[in-house]
Structures are given as C-alpha cells and as structure tokens.
Amino acid sequence: RDMEIKDALDEGTQIHGTQSFDTALLKLYKKGKISFNEAMLNATSP
C-alpha cells in the first residue's frame, strides 16, 4: 500500500517525527525561508 505512505508520514509527525515533503516545505515557508512560488515548484502535491 505504498500510495498511502505520504499521508502516514504526516499522521506520524507529532509522535514519530516523520513528515512528507509538502510538510517540510510548509514549515520552511512558515519560517519565511522560502517563497510561495518555491514551495509550489517543489511540492509533491502543489
């Protein structure tokens, strides 16, 4: 069930420290380190 892995990574963020690319990009954007366009350009699911 490999297609479900991305969602499972985000569900385990608080407990296990896992995260998807999109969550990593969201964190960088919230910190003001990357632009909105750069986040969209690199997102798995823009």
All heavy atoms as atom14 arrays in JSON, in Angstrom:
{
  "sequence": "RDMEIKDALDEGTQIHGTQSFDTALLKLYKKGKISFNEAMLNATSP",
  "atom14_mask": [
    [1, 1, 1, 1, 1, 1, 1, 1, 1, 1, 1, 0, 0, 0],
    [1, 1, 1, 1, 1, 1, 1, 1, 0, 0, 0, 0, 0, 0],
    [1, 1, 1, 1, 1, 1, 1, 1, 0, 0, 0, 0, 0, 0],
    [1, 1, 1, 1, 1, 1, 1, 1, 1, 0, 0, 0, 0, 0],
    [1, 1, 1, 1, 1, 1, 1, 1, 0, 0, 0, 0, 0, 0],
    [1, 1, 1, 1, 1, 1, 1, 1, 1, 0, 0, 0, 0, 0],
    [1, 1, 1, 1, 1, 1, 1, 1, 0, 0, 0, 0, 0, 0],
    [1, 1, 1, 1, 1, 0, 0, 0, 0, 0, 0, 0, 0, 0],
    [1, 1, 1, 1, 1, 1, 1, 1, 0, 0, 0, 0, 0, 0],
    [1, 1, 1, 1, 1, 1, 1, 1, 0, 0, 0, 0, 0, 0],
    [1, 1, 1, 1, 1, 1, 1, 1, 1, 0, 0, 0, 0, 0],
    [1, 1, 1, 1, 0, 0, 0, 0, 0, 0, 0, 0, 0, 0],
    [1, 1, 1, 1, 1, 1, 1, 0, 0, 0, 0, 0, 0, 0],
    [1, 1, 1, 1, 1, 1, 1, 1, 1, 0, 0, 0, 0, 0],
    [1, 1, 1, 1, 1, 1, 1, 1, 0, 0, 0, 0, 0, 0],
    [1, 1, 1, 1, 1, 1, 1, 1, 1, 1, 0, 0, 0, 0],
    [1, 1, 1, 1, 0, 0, 0, 0, 0, 0, 0, 0, 0, 0],
    [1, 1, 1, 1, 1, 1, 1, 0, 0, 0, 0, 0, 0, 0],
    [1, 1, 1, 1, 1, 1, 1, 1, 1, 0, 0, 0, 0, 0],
    [1, 1, 1, 1, 1, 1, 0, 0, 0, 0, 0, 0, 0, 0],
    [1, 1, 1, 1, 1, 1, 1, 1, 1, 1, 1, 0, 0, 0],
    [1, 1, 1, 1, 1, 1, 1, 1, 0, 0, 0, 0, 0, 0],
    [1, 1, 1, 1, 1, 1, 1, 0, 0, 0, 0, 0, 0, 0],
    [1, 1, 1, 1, 1, 0, 0, 0, 0, 0, 0, 0, 0, 0],
    [1, 1, 1, 1, 1, 1, 1, 1, 0, 0, 0, 0, 0, 0],
    [1, 1, 1, 1, 1, 1, 1, 1, 0, 0, 0, 0, 0, 0],
    [1, 1, 1, 1, 1, 1, 1, 1, 1, 0, 0, 0, 0, 0],
    [1, 1, 1, 1, 1, 1, 1, 1, 0, 0, 0, 0, 0, 0],
    [1, 1, 1, 1, 1, 1, 1, 1, 1, 1, 1, 1, 0, 0],
    [1, 1, 1, 1, 1, 1, 1, 1, 1, 0, 0, 0, 0, 0],
    [1, 1, 1, 1, 1, 1, 1, 1, 1, 0, 0, 0, 0, 0],
    [1, 1, 1, 1, 0, 0, 0, 0, 0, 0, 0, 0, 0, 0],
    [1, 1, 1, 1, 1, 1, 1, 1, 1, 0, 0, 0, 0, 0],
    [1, 1, 1, 1, 1, 1, 1, 1, 0, 0, 0, 0, 0, 0],
    [1, 1, 1, 1, 1, 1, 0, 0, 0, 0, 0, 0, 0, 0],
    [1, 1, 1, 1, 1, 1, 1, 1, 1, 1, 1, 0, 0, 0],
    [1, 1, 1, 1, 1, 1, 1, 1, 0, 0, 0, 0, 0, 0],
    [1, 1, 1, 1, 1, 1, 1, 1, 1, 0, 0, 0, 0, 0],
    [1, 1, 1, 1, 1, 0, 0, 0, 0, 0, 0, 0, 0, 0],
    [1, 1, 1, 1, 1, 1, 1, 1, 0, 0, 0, 0, 0, 0],
    [1, 1, 1, 1, 1, 1, 1, 1, 0, 0, 0, 0, 0, 0],
    [1, 1, 1, 1, 1, 1, 1, 1, 0, 0, 0, 0, 0, 0],
    [1, 1, 1, 1, 1, 0, 0, 0, 0, 0, 0, 0, 0, 0],
    [1, 1, 1, 1, 1, 1, 1, 0, 0, 0, 0, 0, 0, 0],
    [1, 1, 1, 1, 1, 1, 0, 0, 0, 0, 0, 0, 0, 0],
    [1, 1, 1, 1, 1, 1, 1, 0, 0, 0, 0, 0, 0, 0]
  ],
  "atom14_positions": [
    [[0.85, -1.21, 0.0], [0.0, 0.0, 0.0], [0.88, 1.25, 0.0], [0.74, 2.15, 0.83], [-0.93, -0.03, 1.21], [-1.94, -1.19, 1.15], [-2.5, -1.54, 2.52], [-3.16, -0.41, 3.16], [-3.57, -0.41, 4.42], [-3.38, -1.5, 5.18], [-4.16, 0.65, 4.94], [0.0, 0.0, 0.0], [0.0, 0.0, 0.0], [0.0, 0.0, 0.0]],
    [[1.82, 1.31, -0.94], [2.81, 2.37, -0.97], [2.2, 3.75, -1.19], [2.75, 4.75, -0.73], [3.85, 2.09, -2.06], [4.56, 0.74, -1.85], [4.57, 0.26, -0.71], [5.08, 0.19, -2.84], [0.0, 0.0, 0.0], [0.0, 0.0, 0.0], [0.0, 0.0, 0.0], [0.0, 0.0, 0.0], [0.0, 0.0, 0.0], [0.0, 0.0, 0.0]],
    [[1.05, 3.82, -1.87], [0.42, 5.1, -2.14], [-0.08, 5.79, -0.87], [-0.33, 7.0, -0.87], [-0.74, 4.92, -3.12], [-0.32, 4.44, -4.51], [0.83, 5.57, -5.33], [-0.2, 7.01, -5.51], [0.0, 0.0, 0.0], [0.0, 0.0, 0.0], [0.0, 0.0, 0.0], [0.0, 0.0, 0.0], [0.0, 0.0, 0.0], [0.0, 0.0, 0.0]],
    [[-0.21, 5.04, 0.21], [-0.7, 5.6, 1.46], [0.41, 6.11, 2.36], [0.16, 6.67, 3.42], [-1.52, 4.55, 2.21], [-2.74, 4.05, 1.44], [-3.48, 2.94, 2.19], [-3.69, 3.11, 3.42], [-3.84, 1.92, 1.56], [0.0, 0.0, 0.0], [0.0, 0.0, 0.0], [0.0, 0.0, 0.0], [0.0, 0.0, 0.0], [0.0, 0.0, 0.0]],
    [[1.68, 5.93, 1.92], [2.82, 6.27, 2.78], [2.88, 7.77, 3.05], [3.14, 8.19, 4.19], [4.13, 5.76, 2.15], [4.2, 4.23, 2.3], [5.34, 6.42, 2.81], [5.42, 3.61, 1.64], [0.0, 0.0, 0.0], [0.0, 0.0, 0.0], [0.0, 0.0, 0.0], [0.0, 0.0, 0.0], [0.0, 0.0, 0.0], [0.0, 0.0, 0.0]],
    [[2.64, 8.6, 2.03], [2.74, 10.05, 2.21], [1.82, 10.54, 3.33], [2.25, 11.3, 4.22], [2.39, 10.77, 0.91], [2.4, 12.29, 1.01], [2.06, 12.92, -0.33], [2.01, 14.45, -0.24], [0.89, 14.92, 0.6], [0.0, 0.0, 0.0], [0.0, 0.0, 0.0], [0.0, 0.0, 0.0], [0.0, 0.0, 0.0], [0.0, 0.0, 0.0]],
    [[0.57, 10.1, 3.33], [-0.36, 10.51, 4.39], [0.06, 9.97, 5.74], [-0.09, 10.65, 6.77], [-1.78, 10.04, 4.05], [-2.38, 10.79, 2.86], [-1.9, 11.9, 2.57], [-3.3, 10.24, 2.22], [0.0, 0.0, 0.0], [0.0, 0.0, 0.0], [0.0, 0.0, 0.0], [0.0, 0.0, 0.0], [0.0, 0.0, 0.0], [0.0, 0.0, 0.0]],
    [[0.59, 8.75, 5.75], [1.03, 8.15, 7.01], [2.18, 8.93, 7.63], [2.28, 9.05, 8.86], [1.45, 6.69, 6.77], [0.0, 0.0, 0.0], [0.0, 0.0, 0.0], [0.0, 0.0, 0.0], [0.0, 0.0, 0.0], [0.0, 0.0, 0.0], [0.0, 0.0, 0.0], [0.0, 0.0, 0.0], [0.0, 0.0, 0.0], [0.0, 0.0, 0.0]],
    [[3.05, 9.49, 6.78], [4.17, 10.27, 7.31], [3.67, 11.51, 8.03], [4.18, 11.87, 9.1], [5.11, 10.69, 6.16], [5.81, 9.55, 5.41], [6.74, 10.12, 4.34], [6.58, 8.65, 6.36], [0.0, 0.0, 0.0], [0.0, 0.0, 0.0], [0.0, 0.0, 0.0], [0.0, 0.0, 0.0], [0.0, 0.0, 0.0], [0.0, 0.0, 0.0]],
    [[2.69, 12.19, 7.48], [2.15, 13.39, 8.12], [1.35, 13.05, 9.38], [1.36, 13.8, 10.35], [1.29, 14.18, 7.14], [2.13, 14.92, 6.1], [3.29, 15.23, 6.41], [1.62, 15.16, 5.0], [0.0, 0.0, 0.0], [0.0, 0.0, 0.0], [0.0, 0.0, 0.0], [0.0, 0.0, 0.0], [0.0, 0.0, 0.0], [0.0, 0.0, 0.0]],
    [[0.68, 11.9, 9.36], [-0.07, 11.48, 10.55], [0.85, 11.15, 11.71], [0.46, 11.27, 12.88], [-0.94, 10.26, 10.2], [-2.1, 10.58, 9.26], [-2.77, 9.33, 8.73], [-2.39, 8.22, 9.18], [-3.65, 9.45, 7.85], [0.0, 0.0, 0.0], [0.0, 0.0, 0.0], [0.0, 0.0, 0.0], [0.0, 0.0, 0.0], [0.0, 0.0, 0.0]],
    [[2.1, 10.78, 11.4], [3.04, 10.4, 12.47], [3.97, 11.51, 12.88], [4.92, 11.27, 13.65], [0.0, 0.0, 0.0], [0.0, 0.0, 0.0], [0.0, 0.0, 0.0], [0.0, 0.0, 0.0], [0.0, 0.0, 0.0], [0.0, 0.0, 0.0], [0.0, 0.0, 0.0], [0.0, 0.0, 0.0], [0.0, 0.0, 0.0], [0.0, 0.0, 0.0]],
    [[3.72, 12.74, 12.4], [4.65, 13.84, 12.68], [4.8, 14.1, 14.17], [5.92, 14.21, 14.69], [4.18, 15.12, 11.97], [4.2, 14.9, 10.55], [5.1, 16.29, 12.3], [0.0, 0.0, 0.0], [0.0, 0.0, 0.0], [0.0, 0.0, 0.0], [0.0, 0.0, 0.0], [0.0, 0.0, 0.0], [0.0, 0.0, 0.0], [0.0, 0.0, 0.0]],
    [[3.7, 14.22, 14.88], [3.76, 14.58, 16.29], [4.38, 13.49, 17.15], [5.14, 13.76, 18.08], [2.35, 14.91, 16.81], [1.73, 16.14, 16.16], [2.54, 17.4, 16.43], [3.07, 17.59, 17.52], [2.64, 18.25, 15.42], [0.0, 0.0, 0.0], [0.0, 0.0, 0.0], [0.0, 0.0, 0.0], [0.0, 0.0, 0.0], [0.0, 0.0, 0.0]],
    [[4.07, 12.23, 16.83], [4.54, 11.11, 17.67], [5.92, 10.62, 17.27], [6.79, 10.4, 18.11], [3.53, 9.94, 17.61], [2.17, 10.4, 18.13], [4.04, 8.76, 18.42], [1.08, 9.34, 18.0], [0.0, 0.0, 0.0], [0.0, 0.0, 0.0], [0.0, 0.0, 0.0], [0.0, 0.0, 0.0], [0.0, 0.0, 0.0], [0.0, 0.0, 0.0]],
    [[6.14, 10.46, 15.96], [7.36, 9.81, 15.5], [8.36, 10.75, 14.84], [9.51, 10.36, 14.61], [7.0, 8.7, 14.5], [6.06, 7.67, 15.04], [6.4, 6.81, 16.06], [4.77, 7.39, 14.71], [5.37, 6.01, 16.33], [4.37, 6.35, 15.53], [0.0, 0.0, 0.0], [0.0, 0.0, 0.0], [0.0, 0.0, 0.0], [0.0, 0.0, 0.0]],
    [[7.97, 11.97, 14.52], [8.88, 12.89, 13.87], [8.98, 12.71, 12.37], [9.87, 13.26, 11.71], [0.0, 0.0, 0.0], [0.0, 0.0, 0.0], [0.0, 0.0, 0.0], [0.0, 0.0, 0.0], [0.0, 0.0, 0.0], [0.0, 0.0, 0.0], [0.0, 0.0, 0.0], [0.0, 0.0, 0.0], [0.0, 0.0, 0.0], [0.0, 0.0, 0.0]],
    [[8.04, 11.95, 11.79], [8.03, 11.77, 10.34], [7.36, 12.98, 9.67], [6.62, 13.72, 10.31], [7.28, 10.49, 9.95], [5.92, 10.57, 10.45], [7.94, 9.26, 10.56], [0.0, 0.0, 0.0], [0.0, 0.0, 0.0], [0.0, 0.0, 0.0], [0.0, 0.0, 0.0], [0.0, 0.0, 0.0], [0.0, 0.0, 0.0], [0.0, 0.0, 0.0]],
    [[7.62, 13.15, 8.38], [6.96, 14.22, 7.65], [7.11, 13.99, 6.15], [8.06, 13.38, 5.7], [7.54, 15.6, 8.01], [8.99, 15.81, 7.61], [9.53, 17.19, 8.02], [8.98, 17.84, 8.9], [10.6, 17.62, 7.38], [0.0, 0.0, 0.0], [0.0, 0.0, 0.0], [0.0, 0.0, 0.0], [0.0, 0.0, 0.0], [0.0, 0.0, 0.0]],
    [[6.14, 14.49, 5.39], [6.2, 14.44, 3.94], [6.97, 15.65, 3.42], [7.24, 16.6, 4.16], [4.78, 14.43, 3.35], [4.16, 15.68, 3.58], [0.0, 0.0, 0.0], [0.0, 0.0, 0.0], [0.0, 0.0, 0.0], [0.0, 0.0, 0.0], [0.0, 0.0, 0.0], [0.0, 0.0, 0.0], [0.0, 0.0, 0.0], [0.0, 0.0, 0.0]],
    [[7.3, 15.63, 2.13], [7.95, 16.79, 1.52], [7.1, 18.03, 1.66], [7.6, 19.12, 1.97], [8.21, 16.53, 0.03], [9.6, 16.07, -0.26], [9.81, 14.91, -0.95], [10.7, 16.81, 0.15], [11.1, 14.48, -1.23], [11.98, 16.39, -0.11], [12.18, 15.22, -0.81], [0.0, 0.0, 0.0], [0.0, 0.0, 0.0], [0.0, 0.0, 0.0]],
    [[5.8, 17.88, 1.44], [4.93, 19.05, 1.47], [4.9, 19.69, 2.86], [4.87, 20.91, 3.01], [3.52, 18.68, 1.02], [3.45, 18.4, -0.47], [4.48, 18.57, -1.15], [2.38, 17.99, -0.95], [0.0, 0.0, 0.0], [0.0, 0.0, 0.0], [0.0, 0.0, 0.0], [0.0, 0.0, 0.0], [0.0, 0.0, 0.0], [0.0, 0.0, 0.0]],
    [[4.95, 18.86, 3.9], [5.0, 19.39, 5.26], [6.33, 20.09, 5.5], [6.37, 21.15, 6.14], [4.8, 18.27, 6.28], [3.48, 17.74, 6.14], [4.98, 18.77, 7.7], [0.0, 0.0, 0.0], [0.0, 0.0, 0.0], [0.0, 0.0, 0.0], [0.0, 0.0, 0.0], [0.0, 0.0, 0.0], [0.0, 0.0, 0.0], [0.0, 0.0, 0.0]],
    [[7.42, 19.52, 4.98], [8.73, 20.16, 5.12], [8.73, 21.52, 4.44], [9.24, 22.52, 4.98], [9.81, 19.26, 4.51], [0.0, 0.0, 0.0], [0.0, 0.0, 0.0], [0.0, 0.0, 0.0], [0.0, 0.0, 0.0], [0.0, 0.0, 0.0], [0.0, 0.0, 0.0], [0.0, 0.0, 0.0], [0.0, 0.0, 0.0], [0.0, 0.0, 0.0]],
    [[8.14, 21.6, 3.25], [8.06, 22.87, 2.53], [7.18, 23.88, 3.26], [7.49, 25.07, 3.33], [7.52, 22.64, 1.12], [8.45, 21.87, 0.17], [7.69, 21.43, -1.08], [9.65, 22.71, -0.21], [0.0, 0.0, 0.0], [0.0, 0.0, 0.0], [0.0, 0.0, 0.0], [0.0, 0.0, 0.0], [0.0, 0.0, 0.0], [0.0, 0.0, 0.0]],
    [[6.08, 23.39, 3.83], [5.19, 24.27, 4.59], [5.92, 24.88, 5.78], [5.78, 26.08, 6.07], [3.96, 23.48, 5.06], [2.92, 24.26, 5.86], [2.31, 25.36, 5.01], [1.83, 23.32, 6.39], [0.0, 0.0, 0.0], [0.0, 0.0, 0.0], [0.0, 0.0, 0.0], [0.0, 0.0, 0.0], [0.0, 0.0, 0.0], [0.0, 0.0, 0.0]],
    [[6.71, 24.06, 6.47], [7.46, 24.58, 7.62], [8.47, 25.65, 7.19], [8.62, 26.67, 7.87], [8.19, 23.42, 8.33], [7.26, 22.46, 9.06], [8.06, 21.32, 9.69], [7.15, 20.38, 10.47], [7.91, 19.23, 11.06], [0.0, 0.0, 0.0], [0.0, 0.0, 0.0], [0.0, 0.0, 0.0], [0.0, 0.0, 0.0], [0.0, 0.0, 0.0]],
    [[9.15, 25.39, 6.08], [10.13, 26.36, 5.59], [9.44, 27.66, 5.17], [9.95, 28.76, 5.4], [10.92, 25.77, 4.41], [11.89, 24.63, 4.75], [12.44, 24.0, 3.47], [13.03, 25.14, 5.62], [0.0, 0.0, 0.0], [0.0, 0.0, 0.0], [0.0, 0.0, 0.0], [0.0, 0.0, 0.0], [0.0, 0.0, 0.0], [0.0, 0.0, 0.0]],
    [[8.26, 27.54, 4.57], [7.51, 28.73, 4.15], [7.04, 29.52, 5.37], [7.14, 30.76, 5.41], [6.33, 28.33, 3.27], [5.44, 29.49, 2.93], [5.86, 30.47, 2.03], [4.19, 29.64, 3.55], [5.05, 31.56, 1.73], [3.39, 30.73, 3.26], [3.82, 31.68, 2.34], [3.02, 32.76, 2.06], [0.0, 0.0, 0.0], [0.0, 0.0, 0.0]],
    [[6.52, 28.82, 6.37], [6.04, 29.5, 7.58], [7.17, 30.25, 8.29], [6.95, 31.3, 8.9], [5.43, 28.47, 8.55], [4.03, 28.02, 8.16], [3.48, 27.07, 9.22], [2.03, 26.7, 8.93], [1.49, 25.77, 9.95], [0.0, 0.0, 0.0], [0.0, 0.0, 0.0], [0.0, 0.0, 0.0], [0.0, 0.0, 0.0], [0.0, 0.0, 0.0]],
    [[8.4, 29.69, 8.21], [9.55, 30.35, 8.83], [10.05, 31.52, 8.0], [10.95, 32.25, 8.44], [10.7, 29.34, 9.01], [10.44, 28.27, 10.05], [11.62, 27.31, 10.11], [11.37, 26.19, 11.13], [12.52, 25.22, 11.16], [0.0, 0.0, 0.0], [0.0, 0.0, 0.0], [0.0, 0.0, 0.0], [0.0, 0.0, 0.0], [0.0, 0.0, 0.0]],
    [[9.49, 31.7, 6.8], [9.93, 32.78, 5.93], [11.21, 32.49, 5.19], [11.85, 33.39, 4.65], [0.0, 0.0, 0.0], [0.0, 0.0, 0.0], [0.0, 0.0, 0.0], [0.0, 0.0, 0.0], [0.0, 0.0, 0.0], [0.0, 0.0, 0.0], [0.0, 0.0, 0.0], [0.0, 0.0, 0.0], [0.0, 0.0, 0.0], [0.0, 0.0, 0.0]],
    [[11.61, 31.2, 5.13], [12.88, 30.86, 4.49], [12.74, 30.69, 2.98], [13.7, 30.9, 2.24], [13.46, 29.58, 5.1], [13.8, 29.7, 6.57], [14.73, 28.59, 7.04], [16.12, 28.75, 6.45], [17.09, 27.81, 7.03], [0.0, 0.0, 0.0], [0.0, 0.0, 0.0], [0.0, 0.0, 0.0], [0.0, 0.0, 0.0], [0.0, 0.0, 0.0]],
    [[11.56, 30.27, 2.51], [11.36, 30.08, 1.08], [10.11, 30.83, 0.64], [9.21, 31.11, 1.45], [11.24, 28.59, 0.69], [9.99, 27.96, 1.29], [12.49, 27.83, 1.09], [9.74, 26.53, 0.82], [0.0, 0.0, 0.0], [0.0, 0.0, 0.0], [0.0, 0.0, 0.0], [0.0, 0.0, 0.0], [0.0, 0.0, 0.0], [0.0, 0.0, 0.0]],
    [[10.05, 31.17, -0.63], [8.9, 31.9, -1.17], [7.74, 30.95, -1.46], [7.9, 29.73, -1.51], [9.31, 32.62, -2.46], [9.55, 31.67, -3.5], [0.0, 0.0, 0.0], [0.0, 0.0, 0.0], [0.0, 0.0, 0.0], [0.0, 0.0, 0.0], [0.0, 0.0, 0.0], [0.0, 0.0, 0.0], [0.0, 0.0, 0.0], [0.0, 0.0, 0.0]],
    [[6.57, 31.54, -1.68], [5.4, 30.76, -2.04], [5.64, 30.02, -3.36], [5.33, 28.83, -3.49], [4.18, 31.68, -2.15], [2.93, 30.99, -2.62], [2.16, 30.22, -1.75], [2.51, 31.1, -3.94], [1.02, 29.58, -2.18], [1.36, 30.47, -4.37], [0.61, 29.7, -3.5], [0.0, 0.0, 0.0], [0.0, 0.0, 0.0], [0.0, 0.0, 0.0]],
    [[6.22, 30.7, -4.34], [6.48, 30.07, -5.63], [7.45, 28.89, -5.51], [7.29, 27.86, -6.18], [7.05, 31.09, -6.62], [5.96, 31.97, -7.21], [4.78, 31.78, -6.9], [6.34, 32.91, -8.05], [0.0, 0.0, 0.0], [0.0, 0.0, 0.0], [0.0, 0.0, 0.0], [0.0, 0.0, 0.0], [0.0, 0.0, 0.0], [0.0, 0.0, 0.0]],
    [[8.46, 29.05, -4.66], [9.43, 27.97, -4.49], [8.77, 26.76, -3.82], [9.07, 25.61, -4.16], [10.62, 28.46, -3.64], [11.76, 27.47, -3.52], [12.52, 27.25, -4.82], [12.27, 27.96, -5.81], [13.39, 26.35, -4.84], [0.0, 0.0, 0.0], [0.0, 0.0, 0.0], [0.0, 0.0, 0.0], [0.0, 0.0, 0.0], [0.0, 0.0, 0.0]],
    [[7.89, 27.02, -2.88], [7.16, 25.91, -2.24], [6.31, 25.17, -3.26], [6.29, 23.94, -3.31], [6.29, 26.45, -1.11], [0.0, 0.0, 0.0], [0.0, 0.0, 0.0], [0.0, 0.0, 0.0], [0.0, 0.0, 0.0], [0.0, 0.0, 0.0], [0.0, 0.0, 0.0], [0.0, 0.0, 0.0], [0.0, 0.0, 0.0], [0.0, 0.0, 0.0]],
    [[5.6, 25.92, -4.1], [4.75, 25.29, -5.13], [5.59, 24.52, -6.14], [5.22, 23.43, -6.59], [3.94, 26.37, -5.86], [2.88, 27.07, -5.02], [1.59, 25.94, -4.41], [2.14, 25.76, -2.7], [0.0, 0.0, 0.0], [0.0, 0.0, 0.0], [0.0, 0.0, 0.0], [0.0, 0.0, 0.0], [0.0, 0.0, 0.0], [0.0, 0.0, 0.0]],
    [[6.74, 25.08, -6.51], [7.61, 24.46, -7.52], [8.12, 23.11, -7.07], [8.3, 22.2, -7.88], [8.78, 25.4, -7.82], [9.75, 24.97, -8.92], [9.06, 24.93, -10.27], [10.94, 25.93, -8.96], [0.0, 0.0, 0.0], [0.0, 0.0, 0.0], [0.0, 0.0, 0.0], [0.0, 0.0, 0.0], [0.0, 0.0, 0.0], [0.0, 0.0, 0.0]],
    [[8.34, 22.94, -5.77], [8.94, 21.71, -5.26], [7.97, 20.77, -4.58], [8.35, 19.69, -4.14], [10.06, 22.07, -4.26], [11.28, 22.66, -4.94], [12.13, 21.94, -5.45], [11.36, 23.98, -4.95], [0.0, 0.0, 0.0], [0.0, 0.0, 0.0], [0.0, 0.0, 0.0], [0.0, 0.0, 0.0], [0.0, 0.0, 0.0], [0.0, 0.0, 0.0]],
    [[6.7, 21.16, -4.5], [5.72, 20.34, -3.79], [5.42, 19.03, -4.52], [5.41, 18.98, -5.76], [4.44, 21.13, -3.6], [0.0, 0.0, 0.0], [0.0, 0.0, 0.0], [0.0, 0.0, 0.0], [0.0, 0.0, 0.0], [0.0, 0.0, 0.0], [0.0, 0.0, 0.0], [0.0, 0.0, 0.0], [0.0, 0.0, 0.0], [0.0, 0.0, 0.0]],
    [[5.16, 17.99, -3.75], [4.7, 16.73, -4.32], [3.27, 16.87, -4.81], [2.92, 16.4, -5.89], [4.78, 15.6, -3.26], [6.13, 15.48, -2.81], [4.34, 14.27, -3.85], [0.0, 0.0, 0.0], [0.0, 0.0, 0.0], [0.0, 0.0, 0.0], [0.0, 0.0, 0.0], [0.0, 0.0, 0.0], [0.0, 0.0, 0.0], [0.0, 0.0, 0.0]],
    [[2.44, 17.55, -4.02], [1.04, 17.83, -4.39], [0.79, 19.32, -4.25], [0.32, 19.79, -3.2], [0.08, 17.04, -3.49], [0.36, 15.66, -3.53], [0.0, 0.0, 0.0], [0.0, 0.0, 0.0], [0.0, 0.0, 0.0], [0.0, 0.0, 0.0], [0.0, 0.0, 0.0], [0.0, 0.0, 0.0], [0.0, 0.0, 0.0], [0.0, 0.0, 0.0]],
    [[1.12, 20.12, -5.29], [1.01, 21.58, -5.19], [-0.37, 22.07, -4.77], [-0.48, 23.0, -3.96], [1.37, 22.05, -6.6], [2.21, 20.95, -7.17], [1.66, 19.69, -6.6], [0.0, 0.0, 0.0], [0.0, 0.0, 0.0], [0.0, 0.0, 0.0], [0.0, 0.0, 0.0], [0.0, 0.0, 0.0], [0.0, 0.0, 0.0], [0.0, 0.0, 0.0]]
  ]
}
